[in-house]
Amino acid sequence: MSQSSKNSIIKGAFILTAVGLVTRVIGFLYRIYMSNLIGAEGMGIFQLIFPVFMICYTLCCSGLFTAISKLVAAQKASNNSTNISKVINMATLISFSLSVLLSVIIYFFSEYISSNILNEPRTLLSLKILAFTVPFTAIGSSVKAYFYGLQKTFIPASSQLMEQIIRVLSVYLLSGFFIPLGLEYACAMAVIGMALGEVITCFYVIIAYRISLKSKLNQWSKKANYIYKYKSSIYHSYKTISKSIAAIAVPLTANRVLITLLSSVETILIPSRLQLYGLNHSASISIYGVLTGMAMPLILFPSVFTSSLSLMLLPAVSEANASKNKNAIRITTSKTLQYTLLIGIISTFIFIVFGEPLGLKIYNDPLVGNFLIILAWLCPFMYLNSTLGSILNGLDYELITFRNNTIGLGIRITFTFFVIPILGLQGYLWGVLVSSLVITLLDLLKIVKVTTIKFDVVQWLLKPLLSAFIASVVVSYLYYQYIFHLSNALIPLLGSCMLLGLIYFVFIMFFNCIPKDDIKNIKHSI
């Protein structure tokens, strides 16, 4: 892998991570504000509409996003500006057409969906509002995929931050009017905030695309004219471009639709299976809201680092794969696994040590803390699932990721259906842990076989585990023996979490888990 490619990945991941951190901090403040406004039951009702949104996103965005990113990256390697423009135009047209059809279906069948599928009539108004959002989400996703394909992350990252700010401000301004009307309108208020964020950022990325496209295409055209001066035309018709998009997007979308449907079945089943455990409808929705709206976002907070890397990996691996650069693929994969494990390990220890006080101080709910301690063991596997999936997709093994994810979802649905009525929500958490472990192992076995990387158990696992254990013992002693008695407020708690991470970083540097060359590359690229 060339130095410029390394720097491009690192710089892109750094921008996404920096903006992602700010966005997630705002998101947490937003969720705390929302939980205080509408309570756990309201959060549960709000979370119920997301399976519908995810099905729409999967149908009109997910596969096309990957297709755009991969094709733009491949054409970038050939400096083919004309084909890049055609890819964006055709993919956006397809995505928009599908989104309009889905919007019409959701709007006119919203009453049936809310009452008979989600089993929660109070989601009706939210679904009607959501229907108007889908086309803007589709267009915005296509344009963002273009920037990711070029490994240019500023526009997608800034749009993500803008969307979050708009969402928070909208809810803050509308809350005084909607909250007194009841939970149905309170949830609709949250969807309005989400819709406004999607609409405004859609126009933002379109404007940015139009401004940047002309200068980018001129640069590539000059290179292309020189490189292909003595070669036959490499420009493709829209028909050929459509076939290329379909070859990637159709099987990937079909796979992800099935996975999304299974995931939606799981989501819808959880409240009803909790009722068989002995909870009433209101309590089932509330506990579901605590898990998905409060605990899971905290567990996924550190994944801002790995998700940023995942978004940069797909075009980078696709470009290397198109160029048959096996060495670049092997290096990228090795570094990705190593750093994802480093982040996952320390996240696990932070949530084990501080899960209970974090739940109490952030949401004032001891149940959140209990969930955090149980979910802490998921961190390495959940973070690895994202990065390993991106690598496999970049290597054109979409069917493998589909198979593995389907197996994992099958495990979770089995636990949801059979174990929740016996153990309550703890049965579901066990299912999530088992499924994440299985998916990670299956993905990892395939990647090791394809890329011939060597899994360094000592550097990637044993030394980071030892470092995290030492840091946890030191910081937990300091916090619970001294800091907690002086102040049990949130700021000292967050400071203790950061101190644990800092000591961990010092130890992994001491053990040479992060090579000095990687640090130099990061400094140089930034």
Protein backbone atom coordinates (compact mmCIF):
# COMPACT_ATOMS: atom_id res chain seq x y z
CA MET A 1 0.00 0.00 0.00
CA SER A 2 1.35 3.40 -0.96
CA GLN A 3 2.05 6.07 1.63
CA SER A 4 -0.60 8.33 0.11
CA SER A 5 -3.23 5.58 0.42
CA LYS A 6 -2.32 4.99 4.06
CA ASN A 7 -2.50 8.69 4.80
CA SER A 8 -5.82 8.98 3.02
CA ILE A 9 -7.35 6.21 5.13
CA ILE A 10 -5.89 7.56 8.37
CA LYS A 11 -6.89 11.16 7.65
CA GLY A 12 -10.39 10.15 6.61
CA ALA A 13 -10.85 7.96 9.67
CA PHE A 14 -9.49 10.76 11.88
CA ILE A 15 -11.99 13.30 10.50
CA LEU A 16 -14.90 10.87 10.85
CA THR A 17 -13.82 9.96 14.37
CA ALA A 18 -13.40 13.57 15.52
CA VAL A 19 -16.77 14.63 14.14
CA GLY A 20 -18.33 11.35 15.28
CA LEU A 21 -17.21 11.98 18.85
CA VAL A 22 -18.77 15.43 18.87
CA THR A 23 -21.92 14.08 17.22
CA ARG A 24 -22.29 11.26 19.73
CA VAL A 25 -21.75 13.55 22.69
CA ILE A 26 -24.55 15.76 21.35
CA GLY A 27 -26.57 12.60 20.74
CA PHE A 28 -26.17 11.53 24.36
CA LEU A 29 -27.23 14.91 25.64
CA TYR A 30 -30.19 14.62 23.30
CA ARG A 31 -31.11 11.14 24.56
CA ILE A 32 -30.82 12.25 28.19
CA TYR A 33 -33.08 15.21 27.41
CA MET A 34 -35.52 12.96 25.52
CA SER A 35 -35.61 10.33 28.27
CA ASN A 36 -36.47 13.03 30.78
CA LEU A 37 -39.16 14.41 28.47
CA ILE A 38 -40.94 11.22 27.40
CA GLY A 39 -39.65 8.57 29.81
CA ALA A 40 -38.65 4.97 29.13
CA GLU A 41 -42.02 4.09 27.61
CA GLY A 42 -41.82 6.99 25.19
CA MET A 43 -38.30 5.97 24.20
CA GLY A 44 -39.58 2.45 23.57
CA ILE A 45 -42.38 3.70 21.29
CA PHE A 46 -39.91 5.91 19.41
CA GLN A 47 -37.51 2.97 18.91
CA LEU A 48 -40.31 0.83 17.44
CA ILE A 49 -40.46 2.88 14.23
CA PHE A 50 -36.79 2.21 13.40
CA PRO A 51 -37.39 -1.26 11.92
CA VAL A 52 -39.63 0.43 9.34
CA PHE A 53 -37.02 3.09 8.65
CA MET A 54 -34.25 0.50 8.37
CA ILE A 55 -36.24 -1.59 5.87
CA CYS A 56 -36.71 1.52 3.72
CA TYR A 57 -33.06 2.47 4.04
CA THR A 58 -31.96 -1.04 3.14
CA LEU A 59 -34.16 -1.20 0.05
CA CYS A 60 -33.25 2.17 -1.45
CA CYS A 61 -29.86 3.03 0.06
CA SER A 62 -27.84 0.23 1.58
CA GLY A 63 -26.81 -1.82 -1.46
CA LEU A 64 -26.57 1.26 -3.66
CA PHE A 65 -24.33 3.00 -1.13
CA THR A 66 -21.86 0.12 -1.31
CA ALA A 67 -22.13 -0.03 -5.11
CA ILE A 68 -21.43 3.70 -5.49
CA SER A 69 -18.53 3.63 -3.04
CA LYS A 70 -16.90 0.61 -4.71
CA LEU A 71 -17.43 1.78 -8.32
CA VAL A 72 -16.26 5.33 -7.61
CA ALA A 73 -13.14 3.94 -5.91
CA ALA A 74 -12.45 1.63 -8.87
CA GLN A 75 -12.96 4.41 -11.44
CA LYS A 76 -10.85 6.75 -9.35
CA ALA A 77 -7.97 4.30 -9.70
CA SER A 78 -8.38 4.68 -13.50
CA ASN A 79 -8.90 8.47 -13.31
CA ASN A 80 -12.14 7.98 -15.23
CA SER A 81 -14.17 11.10 -14.50
CA THR A 82 -17.00 10.44 -16.97
CA ASN A 83 -17.85 7.04 -15.56
CA ILE A 84 -17.84 8.40 -12.01
CA SER A 85 -20.40 11.04 -12.95
CA LYS A 86 -22.58 8.42 -14.66
CA VAL A 87 -22.43 6.14 -11.62
CA ILE A 88 -23.71 8.93 -9.34
CA ASN A 89 -26.47 10.00 -11.73
CA MET A 90 -27.80 6.51 -12.36
CA ALA A 91 -27.55 5.30 -8.75
CA THR A 92 -29.26 8.43 -7.42
CA LEU A 93 -32.10 8.04 -9.93
CA ILE A 94 -32.63 4.41 -8.89
CA SER A 95 -32.44 5.24 -5.18
CA PHE A 96 -34.87 8.17 -5.48
CA SER A 97 -37.41 6.14 -7.48
CA LEU A 98 -37.41 3.36 -4.91
CA SER A 99 -37.69 5.83 -2.04
CA VAL A 100 -40.76 7.54 -3.50
CA LEU A 101 -42.49 4.18 -3.90
CA LEU A 102 -41.68 3.24 -0.30
CA SER A 103 -42.88 6.60 0.98
CA VAL A 104 -46.26 6.13 -0.67
CA ILE A 105 -46.59 2.62 0.78
CA ILE A 106 -45.68 3.71 4.32
CA TYR A 107 -48.02 6.70 4.26
CA PHE A 108 -51.12 4.90 3.01
CA PHE A 109 -50.53 1.72 5.02
CA SER A 110 -49.30 3.46 8.19
CA GLU A 111 -52.43 2.55 10.17
CA TYR A 112 -52.07 -1.14 9.32
CA ILE A 113 -48.32 -1.11 10.09
CA SER A 114 -48.76 0.60 13.45
CA SER A 115 -51.66 -1.57 14.65
CA ASN A 116 -50.97 -4.99 13.12
CA ILE A 117 -47.19 -5.18 12.66
CA LEU A 118 -45.69 -2.95 15.35
CA ASN A 119 -48.62 -3.64 17.68
CA GLU A 120 -48.45 -0.06 18.90
CA PRO A 121 -51.13 2.34 17.50
CA ARG A 122 -49.30 5.30 19.01
CA THR A 123 -46.66 5.03 16.24
CA LEU A 124 -49.20 6.00 13.55
CA LEU A 125 -48.41 9.72 13.39
CA SER A 126 -44.65 9.06 13.51
CA LEU A 127 -44.90 6.70 10.53
CA LYS A 128 -46.78 9.28 8.45
CA ILE A 129 -44.04 11.84 9.12
CA LEU A 130 -41.34 9.28 8.45
CA ALA A 131 -42.81 8.62 4.99
CA PHE A 132 -41.82 12.12 3.82
CA THR A 133 -38.25 11.67 5.02
CA VAL A 134 -37.25 8.60 2.98
CA PRO A 135 -36.57 10.31 -0.42
CA PHE A 136 -34.24 12.85 1.16
CA THR A 137 -32.41 10.10 3.02
CA ALA A 138 -31.98 8.19 -0.25
CA ILE A 139 -30.53 11.11 -2.20
CA GLY A 140 -28.26 12.14 0.65
CA SER A 141 -26.95 8.60 1.02
CA SER A 142 -26.03 8.38 -2.68
CA VAL A 143 -24.09 11.64 -2.61
CA LYS A 144 -22.29 10.70 0.61
CA ALA A 145 -21.26 7.38 -0.97
CA TYR A 146 -19.55 9.37 -3.73
CA PHE A 147 -17.39 11.20 -1.18
CA TYR A 148 -16.58 7.99 0.68
CA GLY A 149 -15.58 6.37 -2.61
CA LEU A 150 -13.04 9.16 -3.07
CA GLN A 151 -11.98 8.74 0.59
CA LYS A 152 -12.98 12.39 1.16
CA THR A 153 -14.81 12.47 4.46
CA PHE A 154 -15.27 16.14 5.38
CA ILE A 155 -18.65 16.59 3.68
CA PRO A 156 -20.24 13.36 5.05
CA ALA A 157 -18.79 14.03 8.49
CA SER A 158 -19.95 17.66 8.63
CA SER A 159 -23.41 16.66 7.36
CA GLN A 160 -23.64 14.12 10.18
CA LEU A 161 -22.83 16.82 12.73
CA MET A 162 -25.27 19.25 11.10
CA GLU A 163 -28.04 16.65 11.15
CA GLN A 164 -27.56 16.00 14.85
CA ILE A 165 -27.59 19.69 15.74
CA ILE A 166 -30.76 20.28 13.70
CA ARG A 167 -32.44 17.31 15.36
CA VAL A 168 -31.63 18.54 18.87
CA LEU A 169 -32.67 22.14 18.19
CA SER A 170 -35.92 21.03 16.57
CA VAL A 171 -36.93 18.88 19.53
CA TYR A 172 -35.97 21.63 21.97
CA LEU A 173 -38.10 24.20 20.14
CA LEU A 174 -41.08 21.90 19.57
CA SER A 175 -41.19 20.15 22.95
CA GLY A 176 -43.31 22.79 24.65
CA PHE A 177 -46.08 22.28 22.09
CA PHE A 178 -45.97 18.48 21.57
CA ILE A 179 -45.23 17.04 25.03
CA PRO A 180 -48.55 18.09 26.66
CA LEU A 181 -50.44 16.27 23.87
CA GLY A 182 -49.27 12.81 24.99
CA LEU A 183 -46.69 10.15 24.08
CA GLU A 184 -47.94 9.71 20.50
CA TYR A 185 -47.25 13.37 19.72
CA ALA A 186 -44.04 13.40 21.76
CA CYS A 187 -42.64 10.59 19.60
CA ALA A 188 -43.87 12.37 16.46
CA MET A 189 -41.90 15.41 17.64
CA ALA A 190 -38.72 13.30 17.73
CA VAL A 191 -39.42 12.04 14.20
CA ILE A 192 -39.97 15.62 12.99
CA GLY A 193 -36.54 16.50 14.35
CA MET A 194 -35.05 13.52 12.52
CA ALA A 195 -36.89 14.47 9.32
CA LEU A 196 -35.69 18.08 9.38
CA GLY A 197 -32.13 16.88 9.87
CA GLU A 198 -32.37 14.54 6.86
CA VAL A 199 -33.96 17.17 4.59
CA ILE A 200 -31.55 20.01 5.34
CA THR A 201 -28.41 17.85 5.18
CA CYS A 202 -29.63 16.36 1.89
CA PHE A 203 -29.57 19.82 0.30
CA TYR A 204 -26.22 20.51 1.96
CA VAL A 205 -24.47 17.47 0.46
CA ILE A 206 -26.03 18.11 -2.98
CA ILE A 207 -24.68 21.67 -3.00
CA ALA A 208 -21.26 20.44 -1.84
CA TYR A 209 -21.30 17.78 -4.55
CA ARG A 210 -22.09 20.26 -7.31
CA ILE A 211 -19.40 22.68 -6.12
CA SER A 212 -16.65 20.07 -5.86
CA LEU A 213 -17.56 17.94 -8.89
CA LYS A 214 -16.40 20.28 -11.61
CA SER A 215 -12.90 20.85 -10.24
CA LYS A 216 -12.46 17.16 -9.36
CA LEU A 217 -13.55 15.97 -12.78
CA ASN A 218 -11.23 18.44 -14.52
CA GLN A 219 -8.27 17.07 -12.56
CA TRP A 220 -9.13 13.46 -13.35
CA SER A 221 -9.81 14.23 -17.03
CA LYS A 222 -6.33 15.64 -17.51
CA LYS A 223 -4.81 12.50 -15.98
CA ALA A 224 -7.11 10.24 -17.97
CA ASN A 225 -6.27 11.96 -21.27
CA TYR A 226 -2.60 11.38 -20.60
CA ILE A 227 -2.88 7.80 -19.33
CA TYR A 228 -5.26 6.58 -22.00
CA LYS A 229 -3.96 8.65 -24.88
CA TYR A 230 -3.05 5.59 -26.90
CA LYS A 231 -5.78 3.26 -25.65
CA SER A 232 -9.32 2.64 -26.84
CA SER A 233 -12.19 4.42 -25.12
CA ILE A 234 -12.83 3.38 -21.53
CA TYR A 235 -16.07 5.29 -21.20
CA HIS A 236 -19.21 3.25 -20.53
CA SER A 237 -22.83 3.84 -21.50
CA TYR A 238 -25.53 4.31 -18.89
CA LYS A 239 -26.72 0.80 -19.71
CA THR A 240 -23.30 -0.64 -18.85
CA ILE A 241 -23.11 1.49 -15.72
CA SER A 242 -26.56 0.28 -14.67
CA LYS A 243 -25.46 -3.32 -15.05
CA SER A 244 -22.37 -2.66 -12.93
CA ILE A 245 -24.48 -1.03 -10.22
CA ALA A 246 -27.03 -3.83 -10.31
CA ALA A 247 -24.35 -6.53 -10.14
CA ILE A 248 -23.25 -5.15 -6.76
CA ALA A 249 -26.41 -3.58 -5.38
CA VAL A 250 -29.09 -6.18 -6.19
CA PRO A 251 -27.59 -9.22 -4.40
CA LEU A 252 -26.31 -7.01 -1.57
CA THR A 253 -29.70 -5.32 -1.15
CA ALA A 254 -31.52 -8.66 -1.28
CA ASN A 255 -29.20 -10.02 1.38
CA ARG A 256 -29.55 -6.99 3.60
CA VAL A 257 -33.32 -6.83 3.18
CA LEU A 258 -33.59 -10.35 4.51
CA ILE A 259 -31.27 -9.50 7.39
CA THR A 260 -33.20 -6.29 8.13
CA LEU A 261 -36.50 -8.16 8.06
CA LEU A 262 -35.13 -10.74 10.49
CA SER A 263 -33.80 -7.95 12.69
CA SER A 264 -37.20 -6.22 12.56
CA VAL A 265 -38.94 -9.45 13.53
CA GLU A 266 -36.59 -9.65 16.50
CA THR A 267 -37.32 -6.05 17.49
CA ILE A 268 -41.09 -6.51 17.26
CA LEU A 269 -40.95 -9.83 19.15
CA ILE A 270 -39.07 -8.52 22.20
CA PRO A 271 -41.96 -6.61 23.89
CA SER A 272 -44.44 -9.44 23.27
CA ARG A 273 -42.05 -12.11 24.61
CA LEU A 274 -41.39 -9.94 27.67
CA GLN A 275 -45.11 -10.01 28.35
CA LEU A 276 -44.94 -13.82 28.42
CA TYR A 277 -42.19 -13.43 31.01
CA GLY A 278 -44.72 -11.64 33.19
CA LEU A 279 -44.44 -7.94 32.34
CA ASN A 280 -47.44 -5.88 31.24
CA HIS A 281 -47.45 -4.01 27.90
CA SER A 282 -46.31 -0.69 29.35
CA ALA A 283 -43.47 -2.27 31.33
CA SER A 284 -42.35 -4.28 28.27
CA ILE A 285 -42.15 -1.15 26.12
CA SER A 286 -40.32 0.67 28.93
CA ILE A 287 -37.65 -1.98 29.44
CA TYR A 288 -37.20 -2.22 25.67
CA GLY A 289 -36.70 1.56 25.60
CA VAL A 290 -34.10 1.37 28.37
CA LEU A 291 -32.12 -1.26 26.46
CA THR A 292 -32.26 0.16 22.92
CA GLY A 293 -32.60 3.87 23.64
CA MET A 294 -30.29 4.24 26.64
CA ALA A 295 -27.91 1.31 27.24
CA MET A 296 -27.04 0.31 23.66
CA PRO A 297 -26.06 3.85 22.55
CA LEU A 298 -23.59 3.98 25.45
CA ILE A 299 -22.13 0.58 24.54
CA LEU A 300 -21.81 1.67 20.92
CA PHE A 301 -20.21 5.02 21.76
CA PRO A 302 -16.58 3.77 21.41
CA SER A 303 -17.51 2.24 18.05
CA VAL A 304 -17.23 5.75 16.61
CA PHE A 305 -13.55 4.85 16.12
CA THR A 306 -14.18 1.51 14.43
CA SER A 307 -17.17 2.64 12.36
CA SER A 308 -15.10 5.50 10.95
CA LEU A 309 -12.44 3.01 9.99
CA SER A 310 -15.04 0.70 8.46
CA LEU A 311 -16.39 3.43 6.19
CA MET A 312 -12.88 4.16 4.93
CA LEU A 313 -12.01 0.48 4.53
CA LEU A 314 -14.61 -0.41 1.91
CA PRO A 315 -13.32 1.88 -0.88
CA ALA A 316 -9.69 1.34 0.16
CA VAL A 317 -9.96 -2.46 0.04
CA SER A 318 -12.06 -2.27 -3.14
CA GLU A 319 -9.41 -0.15 -4.83
CA ALA A 320 -6.64 -2.52 -3.71
CA ASN A 321 -8.69 -5.52 -4.80
CA ALA A 322 -9.32 -3.98 -8.24
CA SER A 323 -5.57 -3.42 -8.59
CA LYS A 324 -4.81 -6.99 -7.41
CA ASN A 325 -2.65 -5.54 -4.65
CA LYS A 326 -2.66 -8.44 -2.19
CA ASN A 327 0.01 -6.92 0.02
CA ALA A 328 -2.07 -3.77 0.55
CA ILE A 329 -5.10 -5.89 1.44
CA ARG A 330 -3.10 -7.94 3.92
CA ILE A 331 -1.58 -4.88 5.63
CA THR A 332 -4.92 -3.04 5.80
CA THR A 333 -6.69 -6.09 7.23
CA SER A 334 -4.02 -6.75 9.85
CA LYS A 335 -3.99 -3.17 11.09
CA THR A 336 -7.77 -3.05 11.17
CA LEU A 337 -8.10 -6.19 13.27
CA GLN A 338 -5.40 -5.06 15.64
CA TYR A 339 -6.79 -1.59 16.34
CA THR A 340 -10.40 -2.77 16.53
CA LEU A 341 -9.39 -5.27 19.21
CA LEU A 342 -7.44 -2.60 21.09
CA ILE A 343 -10.54 -0.39 21.22
CA GLY A 344 -12.92 -3.25 21.99
CA ILE A 345 -10.84 -4.56 24.91
CA ILE A 346 -10.52 -1.25 26.74
CA SER A 347 -14.23 -0.50 26.15
CA THR A 348 -15.14 -3.78 27.82
CA PHE A 349 -13.12 -2.95 30.92
CA ILE A 350 -14.47 0.61 31.14
CA PHE A 351 -18.09 -0.58 31.10
CA ILE A 352 -17.40 -3.38 33.57
CA VAL A 353 -15.72 -1.01 36.04
CA PHE A 354 -17.96 2.05 35.57
CA GLY A 355 -21.17 0.62 34.04
CA GLU A 356 -23.27 0.99 37.18
CA PRO A 357 -22.33 4.61 38.01
CA LEU A 358 -22.59 5.61 34.32
CA GLY A 359 -26.18 4.34 34.18
CA LEU A 360 -27.08 6.21 37.35
CA LYS A 361 -25.35 9.49 36.53
CA ILE A 362 -26.34 9.77 32.88
CA TYR A 363 -29.91 8.41 32.97
CA ASN A 364 -30.62 8.13 36.72
CA ASP A 365 -31.69 4.53 36.10
CA PRO A 366 -29.95 1.56 37.81
CA LEU A 367 -31.31 -0.80 35.14
CA VAL A 368 -29.15 0.95 32.53
CA GLY A 369 -26.07 0.21 34.65
CA ASN A 370 -26.99 -3.47 34.91
CA PHE A 371 -27.39 -3.69 31.15
CA LEU A 372 -24.04 -1.94 30.59
CA ILE A 373 -22.15 -4.48 32.70
CA ILE A 374 -23.74 -7.39 30.83
CA LEU A 375 -23.31 -5.77 27.41
CA ALA A 376 -19.68 -4.83 28.12
CA TRP A 377 -18.54 -8.28 27.01
CA LEU A 378 -20.03 -7.60 23.58
CA CYS A 379 -17.75 -4.68 22.73
CA PRO A 380 -14.86 -6.49 20.98
CA PHE A 381 -17.23 -8.69 18.97
CA MET A 382 -19.70 -5.95 18.00
CA TYR A 383 -16.91 -3.63 16.88
CA LEU A 384 -15.17 -6.43 14.96
CA ASN A 385 -18.41 -7.35 13.17
CA SER A 386 -18.50 -3.93 11.54
CA THR A 387 -14.88 -3.82 10.36
CA LEU A 388 -14.71 -7.46 9.29
CA GLY A 389 -17.90 -7.04 7.28
CA SER A 390 -16.46 -4.00 5.47
CA ILE A 391 -13.30 -5.93 4.56
CA LEU A 392 -15.28 -8.89 3.21
CA ASN A 393 -17.57 -6.59 1.19
CA GLY A 394 -14.54 -4.80 -0.23
CA LEU A 395 -13.17 -8.19 -1.33
CA ASP A 396 -16.49 -9.04 -3.06
CA TYR A 397 -17.57 -11.61 -0.45
CA GLU A 398 -20.99 -10.04 0.21
CA LEU A 399 -22.64 -13.46 0.24
CA ILE A 400 -20.32 -14.59 3.03
CA THR A 401 -21.25 -11.59 5.20
CA PHE A 402 -24.92 -12.25 4.42
CA ARG A 403 -24.63 -15.90 5.42
CA ASN A 404 -22.78 -15.13 8.64
CA ASN A 405 -25.12 -12.30 9.65
CA THR A 406 -28.15 -14.47 8.92
CA ILE A 407 -26.77 -17.20 11.17
CA GLY A 408 -26.20 -14.64 13.92
CA LEU A 409 -29.70 -13.21 13.60
CA GLY A 410 -31.15 -16.71 13.64
CA ILE A 411 -29.42 -17.30 16.96
CA ARG A 412 -30.77 -14.02 18.38
CA ILE A 413 -34.32 -14.69 17.24
CA THR A 414 -34.14 -18.18 18.75
CA PHE A 415 -33.09 -16.69 22.11
CA THR A 416 -35.76 -13.99 21.77
CA PHE A 417 -38.55 -16.48 21.11
CA PHE A 418 -37.61 -19.27 23.52
CA VAL A 419 -35.37 -17.81 26.25
CA ILE A 420 -36.89 -14.36 26.97
CA PRO A 421 -40.13 -15.91 28.35
CA ILE A 422 -37.92 -17.85 30.81
CA LEU A 423 -35.13 -15.41 31.75
CA GLY A 424 -36.60 -12.08 30.69
CA LEU A 425 -34.42 -9.58 28.86
CA GLN A 426 -31.30 -11.29 30.20
CA GLY A 427 -32.13 -14.15 27.83
CA TYR A 428 -32.01 -11.74 24.89
CA LEU A 429 -28.66 -10.33 26.04
CA TRP A 430 -27.22 -13.85 26.12
CA GLY A 431 -28.49 -14.32 22.57
CA VAL A 432 -26.79 -11.12 21.42
CA LEU A 433 -23.50 -12.23 23.00
CA VAL A 434 -23.59 -15.71 21.43
CA SER A 435 -24.58 -14.39 17.98
CA SER A 436 -21.89 -11.68 17.99
CA LEU A 437 -19.25 -14.26 18.91
CA VAL A 438 -20.38 -16.64 16.15
CA ILE A 439 -20.46 -13.91 13.46
CA THR A 440 -17.00 -12.67 14.47
CA LEU A 441 -15.47 -16.14 14.34
CA LEU A 442 -17.03 -16.96 10.95
CA ASP A 443 -15.93 -13.64 9.43
CA LEU A 444 -12.47 -13.98 10.89
CA LEU A 445 -11.95 -17.52 9.59
CA LYS A 446 -12.85 -16.41 6.06
CA ILE A 447 -10.61 -13.34 6.15
CA VAL A 448 -7.63 -15.27 7.51
CA LYS A 449 -8.09 -17.81 4.72
CA VAL A 450 -8.44 -15.22 1.93
CA THR A 451 -5.81 -12.68 2.99
CA THR A 452 -3.34 -15.13 4.65
CA ILE A 453 -2.84 -12.75 7.56
CA LYS A 454 -1.33 -14.06 10.78
CA PHE A 455 -3.32 -13.49 13.94
CA ASP A 456 -0.81 -12.26 16.55
CA VAL A 457 -2.36 -13.52 19.82
CA VAL A 458 0.30 -11.97 22.03
CA GLN A 459 0.34 -8.46 20.51
CA TRP A 460 -3.34 -8.24 19.66
CA LEU A 461 -4.89 -9.98 22.68
CA LEU A 462 -2.69 -10.92 25.63
CA LYS A 463 -0.74 -7.68 26.02
CA PRO A 464 -3.84 -5.43 25.56
CA LEU A 465 -5.79 -7.58 28.05
CA LEU A 466 -2.98 -7.29 30.60
CA SER A 467 -2.74 -3.53 30.00
CA ALA A 468 -6.50 -3.06 30.40
CA PHE A 469 -6.56 -5.17 33.58
CA ILE A 470 -3.74 -3.18 35.21
CA ALA A 471 -5.31 0.15 34.23
CA SER A 472 -8.72 -0.99 35.52
CA VAL A 473 -7.35 -2.09 38.90
CA VAL A 474 -5.47 1.19 39.40
CA VAL A 475 -8.27 3.54 38.31
CA SER A 476 -11.13 1.66 39.99
CA TYR A 477 -9.19 1.74 43.28
CA LEU A 478 -8.57 5.48 42.94
CA TYR A 479 -12.17 6.23 41.98
CA TYR A 480 -14.03 4.13 44.55
CA GLN A 481 -11.61 4.81 47.40
CA TYR A 482 -10.98 8.52 46.91
CA ILE A 483 -12.73 10.30 44.03
CA PHE A 484 -16.21 8.87 44.68
CA HIS A 485 -16.17 10.02 48.31
CA LEU A 486 -15.13 13.53 47.29
CA SER A 487 -17.68 13.83 44.47
CA ASN A 488 -19.93 11.28 42.80
CA ALA A 489 -20.91 13.70 40.03
CA LEU A 490 -20.71 12.89 36.33
CA ILE A 491 -17.59 14.92 35.46
CA PRO A 492 -15.23 13.09 37.88
CA LEU A 493 -16.73 9.81 36.64
CA LEU A 494 -16.05 10.66 33.00
CA GLY A 495 -12.60 11.86 33.98
CA SER A 496 -11.92 8.49 35.60
CA CYS A 497 -13.01 6.71 32.41
CA MET A 498 -10.61 8.86 30.42
CA LEU A 499 -7.82 8.20 32.93
CA LEU A 500 -8.36 4.46 32.55
CA GLY A 501 -8.06 4.83 28.79
CA LEU A 502 -4.92 6.96 29.10
CA ILE A 503 -3.14 4.47 31.39
CA TYR A 504 -4.16 1.68 29.03
CA PHE A 505 -2.68 3.60 26.09
CA VAL A 506 0.59 4.12 27.98
CA PHE A 507 0.86 0.40 28.69
CA ILE A 508 0.12 -0.73 25.13
CA MET A 509 2.75 1.74 23.91
CA PHE A 510 5.18 0.31 26.47
CA PHE A 511 4.42 -3.21 25.21
CA ASN A 512 4.88 -1.97 21.61
CA CYS A 513 1.33 -3.01 20.64
CA ILE A 514 1.23 0.08 18.41
CA PRO A 515 4.33 0.29 16.18
CA LYS A 516 6.13 3.63 16.12
CA ASP A 517 5.75 3.77 12.33
CA ASP A 518 1.97 3.82 12.72
CA ILE A 519 2.19 6.77 15.10
CA LYS A 520 4.38 8.61 12.59
CA ASN A 521 1.89 7.89 9.81
CA ILE A 522 -0.95 9.27 11.91
CA LYS A 523 0.97 12.45 12.72
CA HIS A 524 2.02 12.88 9.10
CA SER A 525 -1.46 12.35 7.67
CA ILE A 526 -3.12 14.68 10.16
